[in-house]
Amino acid sequence: MSLPGPLCIGIDVSKATLDIAASSAIEPFSVANDTDGFDSIIAELRKHSVALVLMEATGGLEAAVACALQAEGFELAVVNPRQARDFARAMGYLAKTDRIDARVLAQMAEVINRHPERSRFIRALPDAERQVLNAMVVRRRQLIAMLVAERNRLHPAHPQSRKSINTIIKALEDELARLDDDMNNHIRSHFKELSERLSSIKGVGAMTVAALL
């Protein structure tokens, strides 16, 4: 059951896994650092009112999950490791060589969420080129939904209707192919370096890259 107060979430990122902890309400849990794991985090967070999600910058390992969460509308702060370690030491959580975990990051998120300059820590909203890409991703999902619906209608349809359905299916397939070309060209033109980094993550293909950028 969700609690009334908004939650602050900490995510500890490694190459293979994501550890998630909250200021309250959510029991800590872990998922794989891949698209299935991102979906699991998003599904859990949607059950709650979330004020802020915080993670450390980890040389790009955090990029995909950060983009996925931001695309779903969650406010996100990415802090550098020195900031996280200084916070943990100040709170008495760790010795010099201890590892910072998701619980510490969740508590840091709480502090930032109450900070008078909170907005300074929040990752900026997508720029114009990302907004263009996001619009194409949304349209692609709409086309796929229409395509699935028409294909499902085809088999049980009366023979008189099948020609019309096949015409619509062909038009949707052609438009989907055109949109995929536009998306790939847009990514190559504006996000080549980050696209290559995201593509190196297991389970992240071209269309997933587009959705995460």
N, C-alpha and C. Protein backbone atom coordinates (compact mmCIF):
# COMPACT_ATOMS: atom_id res chain seq x y z
N MET A 1 0.85 -1.19 0.00
CA MET A 1 0.00 0.00 0.00
C MET A 1 0.89 1.24 0.00
N SER A 2 0.54 2.22 -0.82
CA SER A 2 1.31 3.44 -0.91
C SER A 2 1.05 4.34 0.29
N LEU A 3 2.09 5.07 0.72
CA LEU A 3 1.94 6.04 1.78
C LEU A 3 1.65 7.42 1.17
N PRO A 4 1.04 8.33 1.94
CA PRO A 4 0.65 9.62 1.39
C PRO A 4 1.83 10.45 0.90
N GLY A 5 2.93 10.44 1.68
CA GLY A 5 4.06 11.28 1.33
C GLY A 5 4.79 10.79 0.10
N PRO A 6 5.30 11.73 -0.74
CA PRO A 6 6.08 11.31 -1.90
C PRO A 6 7.39 10.67 -1.48
N LEU A 7 7.83 9.72 -2.25
CA LEU A 7 9.03 8.96 -1.93
C LEU A 7 10.26 9.54 -2.61
N CYS A 8 11.40 9.34 -1.99
CA CYS A 8 12.68 9.62 -2.61
C CYS A 8 13.37 8.28 -2.83
N ILE A 9 13.84 8.07 -4.03
CA ILE A 9 14.36 6.77 -4.46
C ILE A 9 15.85 6.87 -4.72
N GLY A 10 16.60 5.88 -4.27
CA GLY A 10 18.01 5.76 -4.60
C GLY A 10 18.24 4.53 -5.45
N ILE A 11 19.03 4.67 -6.48
CA ILE A 11 19.37 3.54 -7.36
C ILE A 11 20.89 3.41 -7.41
N ASP A 12 21.37 2.27 -6.98
CA ASP A 12 22.79 1.95 -7.03
C ASP A 12 23.04 1.17 -8.32
N VAL A 13 23.85 1.74 -9.19
CA VAL A 13 24.04 1.22 -10.55
C VAL A 13 25.35 0.45 -10.66
N SER A 14 25.27 -0.75 -11.21
CA SER A 14 26.48 -1.48 -11.61
C SER A 14 26.26 -1.98 -13.04
N LYS A 15 27.26 -2.60 -13.60
CA LYS A 15 27.15 -3.04 -14.99
C LYS A 15 26.02 -4.04 -15.18
N ALA A 16 25.84 -4.95 -14.24
CA ALA A 16 24.86 -6.02 -14.40
C ALA A 16 23.54 -5.77 -13.69
N THR A 17 23.57 -5.02 -12.59
CA THR A 17 22.37 -4.91 -11.77
C THR A 17 22.09 -3.47 -11.35
N LEU A 18 20.82 -3.27 -10.94
CA LEU A 18 20.37 -2.01 -10.36
C LEU A 18 19.74 -2.34 -9.02
N ASP A 19 20.25 -1.75 -7.94
CA ASP A 19 19.67 -1.92 -6.61
C ASP A 19 18.84 -0.69 -6.29
N ILE A 20 17.59 -0.91 -5.85
CA ILE A 20 16.66 0.19 -5.63
C ILE A 20 16.23 0.20 -4.17
N ALA A 21 16.28 1.40 -3.57
CA ALA A 21 15.79 1.58 -2.20
C ALA A 21 15.02 2.88 -2.16
N ALA A 22 14.15 3.01 -1.14
CA ALA A 22 13.31 4.19 -1.01
C ALA A 22 13.37 4.72 0.41
N SER A 23 12.95 5.97 0.55
CA SER A 23 12.92 6.59 1.86
C SER A 23 11.87 5.93 2.76
N SER A 24 10.86 5.32 2.17
CA SER A 24 9.82 4.59 2.90
C SER A 24 8.98 3.82 1.90
N ALA A 25 8.11 2.98 2.42
CA ALA A 25 7.05 2.31 1.63
C ALA A 25 7.53 1.15 0.76
N ILE A 26 8.65 1.28 0.08
CA ILE A 26 9.11 0.25 -0.84
C ILE A 26 10.24 -0.55 -0.20
N GLU A 27 10.11 -1.86 -0.20
CA GLU A 27 11.21 -2.72 0.25
C GLU A 27 12.32 -2.69 -0.81
N PRO A 28 13.57 -2.65 -0.38
CA PRO A 28 14.66 -2.66 -1.36
C PRO A 28 14.56 -3.87 -2.30
N PHE A 29 14.89 -3.67 -3.56
CA PHE A 29 14.87 -4.77 -4.51
C PHE A 29 15.92 -4.53 -5.58
N SER A 30 16.23 -5.56 -6.32
CA SER A 30 17.25 -5.49 -7.37
C SER A 30 16.68 -6.02 -8.67
N VAL A 31 17.16 -5.43 -9.77
CA VAL A 31 16.78 -5.89 -11.11
C VAL A 31 18.03 -5.87 -11.98
N ALA A 32 17.92 -6.49 -13.13
CA ALA A 32 19.03 -6.45 -14.09
C ALA A 32 19.12 -5.06 -14.71
N ASN A 33 20.34 -4.66 -15.06
CA ASN A 33 20.55 -3.38 -15.72
C ASN A 33 20.32 -3.56 -17.22
N ASP A 34 19.04 -3.78 -17.56
CA ASP A 34 18.64 -3.92 -18.95
C ASP A 34 17.21 -3.43 -19.09
N THR A 35 16.65 -3.51 -20.28
CA THR A 35 15.33 -2.93 -20.51
C THR A 35 14.24 -3.60 -19.69
N ASP A 36 14.35 -4.90 -19.47
CA ASP A 36 13.36 -5.57 -18.61
C ASP A 36 13.45 -5.03 -17.18
N GLY A 37 14.67 -4.79 -16.72
CA GLY A 37 14.85 -4.23 -15.39
C GLY A 37 14.28 -2.82 -15.29
N PHE A 38 14.49 -2.02 -16.33
CA PHE A 38 13.93 -0.66 -16.33
C PHE A 38 12.40 -0.72 -16.21
N ASP A 39 11.80 -1.64 -16.98
CA ASP A 39 10.33 -1.77 -16.94
C ASP A 39 9.86 -2.15 -15.54
N SER A 40 10.61 -3.02 -14.87
CA SER A 40 10.23 -3.44 -13.52
C SER A 40 10.29 -2.27 -12.54
N ILE A 41 11.34 -1.46 -12.64
CA ILE A 41 11.45 -0.29 -11.77
C ILE A 41 10.29 0.67 -12.01
N ILE A 42 10.03 0.96 -13.27
CA ILE A 42 8.97 1.90 -13.62
C ILE A 42 7.62 1.40 -13.13
N ALA A 43 7.35 0.12 -13.30
CA ALA A 43 6.08 -0.45 -12.85
C ALA A 43 5.92 -0.29 -11.34
N GLU A 44 6.99 -0.51 -10.58
CA GLU A 44 6.91 -0.36 -9.13
C GLU A 44 6.75 1.10 -8.73
N LEU A 45 7.51 1.99 -9.34
CA LEU A 45 7.45 3.40 -8.96
C LEU A 45 6.10 4.02 -9.31
N ARG A 46 5.47 3.52 -10.34
CA ARG A 46 4.16 4.06 -10.73
C ARG A 46 3.08 3.80 -9.66
N LYS A 47 3.34 2.86 -8.77
CA LYS A 47 2.37 2.57 -7.70
C LYS A 47 2.42 3.63 -6.61
N HIS A 48 3.41 4.52 -6.66
CA HIS A 48 3.67 5.45 -5.57
C HIS A 48 3.79 6.87 -6.10
N SER A 49 3.71 7.80 -5.19
CA SER A 49 4.04 9.19 -5.50
C SER A 49 5.53 9.35 -5.27
N VAL A 50 6.27 9.65 -6.31
CA VAL A 50 7.73 9.73 -6.23
C VAL A 50 8.17 11.17 -6.43
N ALA A 51 8.89 11.69 -5.44
CA ALA A 51 9.36 13.08 -5.51
C ALA A 51 10.65 13.19 -6.32
N LEU A 52 11.56 12.24 -6.13
CA LEU A 52 12.88 12.36 -6.74
C LEU A 52 13.55 10.99 -6.79
N VAL A 53 14.23 10.73 -7.90
CA VAL A 53 15.06 9.54 -8.05
C VAL A 53 16.50 10.01 -8.17
N LEU A 54 17.39 9.37 -7.40
CA LEU A 54 18.79 9.79 -7.41
C LEU A 54 19.71 8.60 -7.66
N MET A 55 20.75 8.84 -8.44
CA MET A 55 21.77 7.82 -8.67
C MET A 55 23.11 8.51 -8.87
N GLU A 56 24.17 7.73 -8.74
CA GLU A 56 25.51 8.24 -9.00
C GLU A 56 25.82 8.15 -10.49
N ALA A 57 26.64 9.07 -10.97
CA ALA A 57 27.23 8.93 -12.29
C ALA A 57 28.27 7.81 -12.23
N THR A 58 28.12 6.84 -13.12
CA THR A 58 29.02 5.67 -13.09
C THR A 58 29.63 5.41 -14.45
N GLY A 59 30.18 6.44 -15.04
CA GLY A 59 30.87 6.27 -16.31
C GLY A 59 29.97 5.88 -17.46
N GLY A 60 28.70 6.23 -17.38
CA GLY A 60 27.76 5.92 -18.45
C GLY A 60 26.88 4.72 -18.19
N LEU A 61 27.19 3.92 -17.17
CA LEU A 61 26.36 2.75 -16.87
C LEU A 61 24.96 3.16 -16.44
N GLU A 62 24.84 4.38 -15.93
CA GLU A 62 23.54 4.87 -15.47
C GLU A 62 22.71 5.50 -16.58
N ALA A 63 23.30 5.69 -17.77
CA ALA A 63 22.65 6.51 -18.80
C ALA A 63 21.31 5.92 -19.25
N ALA A 64 21.28 4.61 -19.49
CA ALA A 64 20.07 4.02 -20.04
C ALA A 64 18.91 4.07 -19.06
N VAL A 65 19.15 3.67 -17.82
CA VAL A 65 18.06 3.69 -16.83
C VAL A 65 17.65 5.13 -16.53
N ALA A 66 18.59 6.05 -16.51
CA ALA A 66 18.26 7.45 -16.28
C ALA A 66 17.34 7.97 -17.38
N CYS A 67 17.68 7.67 -18.61
CA CYS A 67 16.84 8.12 -19.74
C CYS A 67 15.46 7.48 -19.68
N ALA A 68 15.41 6.19 -19.33
CA ALA A 68 14.12 5.50 -19.26
C ALA A 68 13.22 6.12 -18.20
N LEU A 69 13.77 6.43 -17.04
CA LEU A 69 12.98 7.03 -15.96
C LEU A 69 12.53 8.44 -16.33
N GLN A 70 13.43 9.21 -16.93
CA GLN A 70 13.07 10.56 -17.30
C GLN A 70 11.99 10.57 -18.38
N ALA A 71 12.08 9.60 -19.30
CA ALA A 71 11.05 9.50 -20.34
C ALA A 71 9.68 9.22 -19.76
N GLU A 72 9.64 8.59 -18.58
CA GLU A 72 8.37 8.29 -17.92
C GLU A 72 7.91 9.42 -17.00
N GLY A 73 8.66 10.51 -16.96
CA GLY A 73 8.23 11.67 -16.21
C GLY A 73 8.75 11.78 -14.79
N PHE A 74 9.66 10.89 -14.38
CA PHE A 74 10.22 10.96 -13.03
C PHE A 74 11.32 12.02 -12.98
N GLU A 75 11.32 12.83 -11.91
CA GLU A 75 12.38 13.81 -11.74
C GLU A 75 13.63 13.08 -11.26
N LEU A 76 14.75 13.43 -11.85
CA LEU A 76 15.97 12.65 -11.68
C LEU A 76 17.14 13.54 -11.33
N ALA A 77 17.94 13.09 -10.35
CA ALA A 77 19.20 13.75 -10.02
C ALA A 77 20.32 12.74 -10.18
N VAL A 78 21.36 13.11 -10.90
CA VAL A 78 22.55 12.27 -11.05
C VAL A 78 23.71 13.02 -10.41
N VAL A 79 24.26 12.47 -9.33
CA VAL A 79 25.33 13.15 -8.59
C VAL A 79 26.66 12.46 -8.88
N ASN A 80 27.73 13.19 -8.73
CA ASN A 80 29.03 12.56 -8.95
C ASN A 80 29.42 11.74 -7.72
N PRO A 81 30.27 10.74 -7.89
CA PRO A 81 30.62 9.85 -6.77
C PRO A 81 31.20 10.57 -5.56
N ARG A 82 31.95 11.64 -5.79
CA ARG A 82 32.52 12.37 -4.66
C ARG A 82 31.42 12.98 -3.80
N GLN A 83 30.39 13.54 -4.43
CA GLN A 83 29.27 14.12 -3.67
C GLN A 83 28.58 13.04 -2.83
N ALA A 84 28.36 11.88 -3.44
CA ALA A 84 27.68 10.80 -2.71
C ALA A 84 28.53 10.31 -1.54
N ARG A 85 29.83 10.18 -1.76
CA ARG A 85 30.70 9.70 -0.69
C ARG A 85 30.83 10.72 0.43
N ASP A 86 30.92 12.00 0.07
CA ASP A 86 30.99 13.04 1.10
C ASP A 86 29.72 13.04 1.94
N PHE A 87 28.58 12.86 1.29
CA PHE A 87 27.31 12.81 2.02
C PHE A 87 27.30 11.62 2.98
N ALA A 88 27.69 10.46 2.47
CA ALA A 88 27.66 9.25 3.29
C ALA A 88 28.59 9.38 4.50
N ARG A 89 29.76 9.94 4.31
CA ARG A 89 30.68 10.12 5.43
C ARG A 89 30.10 11.09 6.45
N ALA A 90 29.51 12.20 5.94
CA ALA A 90 28.94 13.20 6.85
C ALA A 90 27.82 12.60 7.70
N MET A 91 27.11 11.64 7.14
CA MET A 91 26.01 11.00 7.85
C MET A 91 26.49 9.82 8.69
N GLY A 92 27.81 9.51 8.62
CA GLY A 92 28.36 8.42 9.41
C GLY A 92 28.04 7.04 8.90
N TYR A 93 27.78 6.93 7.58
CA TYR A 93 27.36 5.64 7.04
C TYR A 93 28.50 4.74 6.63
N LEU A 94 29.67 5.28 6.35
CA LEU A 94 30.70 4.40 5.79
C LEU A 94 32.09 4.87 6.15
N ALA A 95 32.95 3.87 6.13
CA ALA A 95 34.38 4.15 6.26
C ALA A 95 34.92 4.49 4.87
N LYS A 96 36.20 4.77 4.81
CA LYS A 96 36.78 5.28 3.57
C LYS A 96 36.60 4.33 2.39
N THR A 97 36.67 3.04 2.65
CA THR A 97 36.62 2.07 1.54
C THR A 97 35.26 1.39 1.38
N ASP A 98 34.28 1.74 2.23
CA ASP A 98 32.96 1.11 2.11
C ASP A 98 32.27 1.54 0.83
N ARG A 99 31.37 0.65 0.37
CA ARG A 99 30.62 0.93 -0.85
C ARG A 99 29.31 1.64 -0.50
N ILE A 100 29.00 2.69 -1.27
CA ILE A 100 27.74 3.39 -1.07
C ILE A 100 26.61 2.55 -1.67
N ASP A 101 25.53 2.37 -0.92
CA ASP A 101 24.44 1.55 -1.44
C ASP A 101 23.21 2.39 -1.71
N ALA A 102 22.16 1.73 -2.23
CA ALA A 102 20.96 2.43 -2.65
C ALA A 102 20.27 3.12 -1.48
N ARG A 103 20.38 2.56 -0.27
CA ARG A 103 19.74 3.19 0.89
C ARG A 103 20.35 4.55 1.19
N VAL A 104 21.66 4.64 1.08
CA VAL A 104 22.33 5.93 1.29
C VAL A 104 21.90 6.92 0.22
N LEU A 105 21.82 6.46 -1.01
CA LEU A 105 21.41 7.35 -2.10
C LEU A 105 19.97 7.82 -1.92
N ALA A 106 19.09 6.95 -1.40
CA ALA A 106 17.70 7.35 -1.13
C ALA A 106 17.67 8.45 -0.07
N GLN A 107 18.51 8.33 0.96
CA GLN A 107 18.54 9.36 1.99
C GLN A 107 19.14 10.65 1.46
N MET A 108 20.11 10.52 0.56
CA MET A 108 20.66 11.72 -0.07
C MET A 108 19.57 12.39 -0.92
N ALA A 109 18.77 11.59 -1.60
CA ALA A 109 17.66 12.14 -2.39
C ALA A 109 16.70 12.92 -1.51
N GLU A 110 16.43 12.41 -0.31
CA GLU A 110 15.56 13.14 0.63
C GLU A 110 16.13 14.50 0.97
N VAL A 111 17.43 14.56 1.23
CA VAL A 111 18.08 15.82 1.58
C VAL A 111 17.99 16.80 0.41
N ILE A 112 18.30 16.32 -0.79
CA ILE A 112 18.23 17.18 -1.97
C ILE A 112 16.81 17.65 -2.22
N ASN A 113 15.84 16.75 -2.00
CA ASN A 113 14.45 17.11 -2.25
C ASN A 113 13.99 18.26 -1.35
N ARG A 114 14.60 18.39 -0.16
CA ARG A 114 14.25 19.47 0.77
C ARG A 114 15.15 20.70 0.61
N HIS A 115 16.14 20.59 -0.26
CA HIS A 115 17.12 21.66 -0.42
C HIS A 115 16.47 22.89 -1.07
N PRO A 116 16.75 24.10 -0.58
CA PRO A 116 16.15 25.29 -1.18
C PRO A 116 16.52 25.49 -2.65
N GLU A 117 17.66 24.93 -3.07
CA GLU A 117 18.06 25.00 -4.47
C GLU A 117 17.91 23.64 -5.14
N ARG A 118 16.82 22.97 -4.80
CA ARG A 118 16.55 21.62 -5.32
C ARG A 118 16.69 21.54 -6.83
N SER A 119 16.17 22.55 -7.52
CA SER A 119 16.13 22.50 -8.99
C SER A 119 17.53 22.43 -9.60
N ARG A 120 18.53 22.89 -8.85
CA ARG A 120 19.91 22.85 -9.36
C ARG A 120 20.41 21.43 -9.55
N PHE A 121 19.84 20.49 -8.80
CA PHE A 121 20.29 19.10 -8.85
C PHE A 121 19.53 18.26 -9.88
N ILE A 122 18.41 18.78 -10.39
CA ILE A 122 17.55 18.00 -11.26
C ILE A 122 18.09 18.00 -12.68
N ARG A 123 18.13 16.84 -13.27
CA ARG A 123 18.59 16.73 -14.66
C ARG A 123 17.63 17.48 -15.58
N ALA A 124 18.18 18.22 -16.52
CA ALA A 124 17.36 19.05 -17.40
C ALA A 124 16.41 18.21 -18.26
N LEU A 125 15.29 18.82 -18.62
CA LEU A 125 14.37 18.18 -19.53
C LEU A 125 15.01 18.02 -20.90
N PRO A 126 14.46 17.13 -21.73
CA PRO A 126 15.07 16.89 -23.04
C PRO A 126 15.17 18.17 -23.88
N ASP A 127 16.29 18.28 -24.62
CA ASP A 127 16.44 19.41 -25.51
C ASP A 127 15.58 19.22 -26.77
N ALA A 128 15.66 20.17 -27.68
CA ALA A 128 14.78 20.15 -28.85
C ALA A 128 14.96 18.89 -29.68
N GLU A 129 16.21 18.43 -29.85
CA GLU A 129 16.44 17.25 -30.68
C GLU A 129 15.87 16.00 -30.02
N ARG A 130 15.93 15.92 -28.67
CA ARG A 130 15.33 14.79 -27.98
C ARG A 130 13.82 14.85 -28.06
N GLN A 131 13.26 16.05 -28.02
CA GLN A 131 11.81 16.18 -28.15
C GLN A 131 11.34 15.69 -29.51
N VAL A 132 12.10 15.98 -30.55
CA VAL A 132 11.77 15.47 -31.88
C VAL A 132 11.80 13.94 -31.87
N LEU A 133 12.85 13.38 -31.29
CA LEU A 133 12.98 11.93 -31.22
C LEU A 133 11.85 11.32 -30.39
N ASN A 134 11.53 11.94 -29.25
CA ASN A 134 10.44 11.43 -28.42
C ASN A 134 9.12 11.41 -29.19
N ALA A 135 8.88 12.45 -29.99
CA ALA A 135 7.65 12.49 -30.78
C ALA A 135 7.61 11.34 -31.79
N MET A 136 8.76 11.02 -32.38
CA MET A 136 8.80 9.91 -33.33
C MET A 136 8.59 8.57 -32.63
N VAL A 137 9.15 8.43 -31.42
CA VAL A 137 8.95 7.20 -30.64
C VAL A 137 7.48 7.00 -30.32
N VAL A 138 6.81 8.08 -29.89
CA VAL A 138 5.38 8.00 -29.58
C VAL A 138 4.59 7.61 -30.83
N ARG A 139 4.92 8.24 -31.95
CA ARG A 139 4.20 7.92 -33.19
C ARG A 139 4.44 6.49 -33.62
N ARG A 140 5.65 5.99 -33.42
CA ARG A 140 5.94 4.60 -33.78
C ARG A 140 5.09 3.63 -32.96
N ARG A 141 4.94 3.91 -31.66
CA ARG A 141 4.09 3.06 -30.82
C ARG A 141 2.65 3.09 -31.30
N GLN A 142 2.18 4.26 -31.73
CA GLN A 142 0.82 4.36 -32.25
C GLN A 142 0.65 3.53 -33.52
N LEU A 143 1.64 3.61 -34.40
CA LEU A 143 1.57 2.83 -35.65
C LEU A 143 1.57 1.33 -35.37
N ILE A 144 2.41 0.90 -34.43
CA ILE A 144 2.46 -0.52 -34.10
C ILE A 144 1.13 -0.97 -33.53
N ALA A 145 0.52 -0.15 -32.67
CA ALA A 145 -0.78 -0.51 -32.10
C ALA A 145 -1.83 -0.65 -33.19
N MET A 146 -1.83 0.25 -34.15
CA MET A 146 -2.79 0.17 -35.27
C MET A 146 -2.52 -1.05 -36.13
N LEU A 147 -1.23 -1.33 -36.35
CA LEU A 147 -0.85 -2.48 -37.18
C LEU A 147 -1.28 -3.79 -36.52
N VAL A 148 -1.05 -3.91 -35.23
CA VAL A 148 -1.48 -5.11 -34.50
C VAL A 148 -2.99 -5.26 -34.55
N ALA A 149 -3.71 -4.17 -34.40
CA ALA A 149 -5.18 -4.22 -34.44
C ALA A 149 -5.68 -4.69 -35.79
N GLU A 150 -5.11 -4.17 -36.87
CA GLU A 150 -5.54 -4.57 -38.22
C GLU A 150 -5.19 -6.03 -38.51
N ARG A 151 -4.01 -6.46 -38.08
CA ARG A 151 -3.64 -7.87 -38.28
C ARG A 151 -4.57 -8.81 -37.52
N ASN A 152 -4.99 -8.38 -36.33
CA ASN A 152 -5.91 -9.20 -35.55
C ASN A 152 -7.29 -9.26 -36.20
N ARG A 153 -7.65 -8.26 -36.96
CA ARG A 153 -8.95 -8.23 -37.63
C ARG A 153 -8.95 -9.09 -38.90
N LEU A 154 -7.76 -9.34 -39.44
CA LEU A 154 -7.70 -9.95 -40.76
C LEU A 154 -8.29 -11.35 -40.81
N HIS A 155 -7.86 -12.23 -39.91
CA HIS A 155 -8.28 -13.63 -39.99
C HIS A 155 -9.79 -13.83 -39.83
N PRO A 156 -10.41 -13.22 -38.82
CA PRO A 156 -11.85 -13.46 -38.67
C PRO A 156 -12.72 -12.63 -39.60
N ALA A 157 -12.11 -11.74 -40.39
CA ALA A 157 -12.91 -10.83 -41.21
C ALA A 157 -13.58 -11.56 -42.36
N HIS A 158 -14.71 -11.02 -42.81
CA HIS A 158 -15.38 -11.51 -44.01
C HIS A 158 -14.47 -11.27 -45.21
N PRO A 159 -14.46 -12.19 -46.19
CA PRO A 159 -13.61 -12.00 -47.37
C PRO A 159 -13.78 -10.64 -48.04
N GLN A 160 -14.98 -10.11 -47.96
CA GLN A 160 -15.24 -8.81 -48.57
C GLN A 160 -14.40 -7.70 -47.91
N SER A 161 -14.08 -7.88 -46.63
CA SER A 161 -13.35 -6.85 -45.88
C SER A 161 -11.84 -7.02 -45.93
N ARG A 162 -11.37 -8.20 -46.31
CA ARG A 162 -9.94 -8.49 -46.19
C ARG A 162 -9.07 -7.63 -47.10
N LYS A 163 -9.58 -7.32 -48.29
CA LYS A 163 -8.79 -6.49 -49.20
C LYS A 163 -8.54 -5.12 -48.56
N SER A 164 -9.57 -4.55 -47.95
CA SER A 164 -9.42 -3.25 -47.30
C SER A 164 -8.44 -3.34 -46.14
N ILE A 165 -8.55 -4.41 -45.35
CA ILE A 165 -7.64 -4.56 -44.19
C ILE A 165 -6.20 -4.71 -44.66
N ASN A 166 -5.99 -5.52 -45.71
CA ASN A 166 -4.63 -5.70 -46.24
C ASN A 166 -4.06 -4.39 -46.77
N THR A 167 -4.91 -3.57 -47.36
CA THR A 167 -4.46 -2.27 -47.85
C THR A 167 -3.97 -1.39 -46.70
N ILE A 168 -4.73 -1.40 -45.62
CA ILE A 168 -4.34 -0.61 -44.44
C ILE A 168 -3.07 -1.17 -43.83
N ILE A 169 -2.96 -2.51 -43.74
CA ILE A 169 -1.74 -3.13 -43.19
C ILE A 169 -0.52 -2.72 -43.99
N LYS A 170 -0.63 -2.78 -45.32
CA LYS A 170 0.50 -2.40 -46.18
C LYS A 170 0.87 -0.93 -45.97
N ALA A 171 -0.12 -0.07 -45.88
CA ALA A 171 0.16 1.36 -45.67
C ALA A 171 0.84 1.59 -44.32
N LEU A 172 0.39 0.90 -43.29
CA LEU A 172 0.99 1.05 -41.97
C LEU A 172 2.43 0.52 -41.96
N GLU A 173 2.65 -0.62 -42.62
CA GLU A 173 4.01 -1.18 -42.69
C GLU A 173 4.95 -0.22 -43.42
N ASP A 174 4.47 0.38 -44.51
CA ASP A 174 5.30 1.34 -45.26
C ASP A 174 5.61 2.56 -44.42
N GLU A 175 4.61 3.06 -43.69
CA GLU A 175 4.83 4.24 -42.86
C GLU A 175 5.77 3.93 -41.69
N LEU A 176 5.65 2.73 -41.13
CA LEU A 176 6.53 2.32 -40.05
C LEU A 176 7.97 2.24 -40.52
N ALA A 177 8.18 1.67 -41.72
CA ALA A 177 9.53 1.58 -42.27
C ALA A 177 10.10 2.98 -42.52
N ARG A 178 9.28 3.88 -43.04
CA ARG A 178 9.74 5.26 -43.27
C ARG A 178 10.12 5.94 -41.97
N LEU A 179 9.28 5.76 -40.95
CA LEU A 179 9.54 6.38 -39.65
C LEU A 179 10.81 5.81 -39.02
N ASP A 180 11.03 4.50 -39.16
CA ASP A 180 12.25 3.90 -38.62
C ASP A 180 13.49 4.49 -39.28
N ASP A 181 13.42 4.71 -40.59
CA ASP A 181 14.54 5.34 -41.29
C ASP A 181 14.79 6.76 -40.75
N ASP A 182 13.70 7.50 -40.56
CA ASP A 182 13.83 8.87 -40.04
C ASP A 182 14.46 8.86 -38.64
N MET A 183 14.01 7.92 -37.80
CA MET A 183 14.54 7.84 -36.44
C MET A 183 16.03 7.50 -36.45
N ASN A 184 16.40 6.52 -37.26
CA ASN A 184 17.81 6.12 -37.32
C ASN A 184 18.69 7.26 -37.82
N ASN A 185 18.20 7.99 -38.82
CA ASN A 185 18.96 9.12 -39.35
C ASN A 185 19.10 10.22 -38.30
N HIS A 186 18.02 10.45 -37.56
CA HIS A 186 18.04 11.49 -36.51
C HIS A 186 19.03 11.12 -35.41
N ILE A 187 19.03 9.84 -35.01
CA ILE A 187 19.95 9.37 -33.97
C ILE A 187 21.40 9.50 -34.45
N ARG A 188 21.66 9.08 -35.67
CA ARG A 188 23.03 9.16 -36.20
C ARG A 188 23.51 10.61 -36.28
N SER A 189 22.59 11.52 -36.59
CA SER A 189 22.97 12.92 -36.76
C SER A 189 23.20 13.64 -35.44
N HIS A 190 22.44 13.27 -34.39
CA HIS A 190 22.43 14.07 -33.18
C HIS A 190 22.91 13.34 -31.92
N PHE A 191 22.89 12.00 -31.93
CA PHE A 191 23.18 11.26 -30.69
C PHE A 191 24.12 10.09 -30.93
N LYS A 192 25.05 10.23 -31.85
CA LYS A 192 25.87 9.09 -32.25
C LYS A 192 26.63 8.48 -31.07
N GLU A 193 27.31 9.31 -30.28
CA GLU A 193 28.16 8.79 -29.19
C GLU A 193 27.32 8.09 -28.12
N LEU A 194 26.22 8.74 -27.67
CA LEU A 194 25.39 8.13 -26.63
C LEU A 194 24.68 6.90 -27.16
N SER A 195 24.28 6.94 -28.44
CA SER A 195 23.63 5.77 -29.04
C SER A 195 24.56 4.57 -29.02
N GLU A 196 25.82 4.77 -29.35
CA GLU A 196 26.78 3.66 -29.34
C GLU A 196 26.97 3.12 -27.93
N ARG A 197 26.98 4.02 -26.93
CA ARG A 197 27.14 3.59 -25.54
C ARG A 197 25.94 2.76 -25.08
N LEU A 198 24.73 3.24 -25.41
CA LEU A 198 23.52 2.52 -25.01
C LEU A 198 23.42 1.18 -25.72
N SER A 199 23.83 1.14 -26.98
CA SER A 199 23.74 -0.09 -27.77
C SER A 199 24.63 -1.19 -27.23
N SER A 200 25.63 -0.82 -26.43
CA SER A 200 26.54 -1.82 -25.87
C SER A 200 25.91 -2.57 -24.71
N ILE A 201 24.74 -2.10 -24.21
CA ILE A 201 24.07 -2.75 -23.08
C ILE A 201 23.23 -3.92 -23.60
N LYS A 202 23.32 -5.04 -22.91
CA LYS A 202 22.58 -6.23 -23.30
C LYS A 202 21.09 -5.94 -23.41
N GLY A 203 20.49 -6.35 -24.53
CA GLY A 203 19.05 -6.21 -24.70
C GLY A 203 18.61 -4.87 -25.26
N VAL A 204 19.56 -3.96 -25.51
CA VAL A 204 19.20 -2.64 -26.02
C VAL A 204 19.50 -2.59 -27.52
N GLY A 205 18.44 -2.58 -28.32
CA GLY A 205 18.56 -2.49 -29.76
C GLY A 205 18.30 -1.09 -30.26
N ALA A 206 18.20 -0.95 -31.59
CA ALA A 206 18.08 0.39 -32.19
C ALA A 206 16.83 1.12 -31.72
N MET A 207 15.69 0.42 -31.68
CA MET A 207 14.46 1.09 -31.28
C MET A 207 14.44 1.38 -29.78
N THR A 208 15.08 0.54 -29.00
CA THR A 208 15.18 0.81 -27.57
C THR A 208 16.06 2.03 -27.33
N VAL A 209 17.15 2.14 -28.09
CA VAL A 209 18.00 3.32 -27.99
C VAL A 209 17.19 4.58 -28.24
N ALA A 210 16.36 4.54 -29.29
CA ALA A 210 15.53 5.71 -29.62
C ALA A 210 14.60 6.06 -28.47
N ALA A 211 14.03 5.05 -27.84
CA ALA A 211 13.10 5.29 -26.73
C ALA A 211 13.80 5.83 -25.50
N LEU A 212 15.09 5.49 -25.32
CA LEU A 212 15.81 5.88 -24.13
C LEU A 212 16.52 7.23 -24.25
N LEU A 213 16.78 7.66 -25.47
CA LEU A 213 17.52 8.91 -25.64
C LEU A 213 16.68 10.11 -25.22
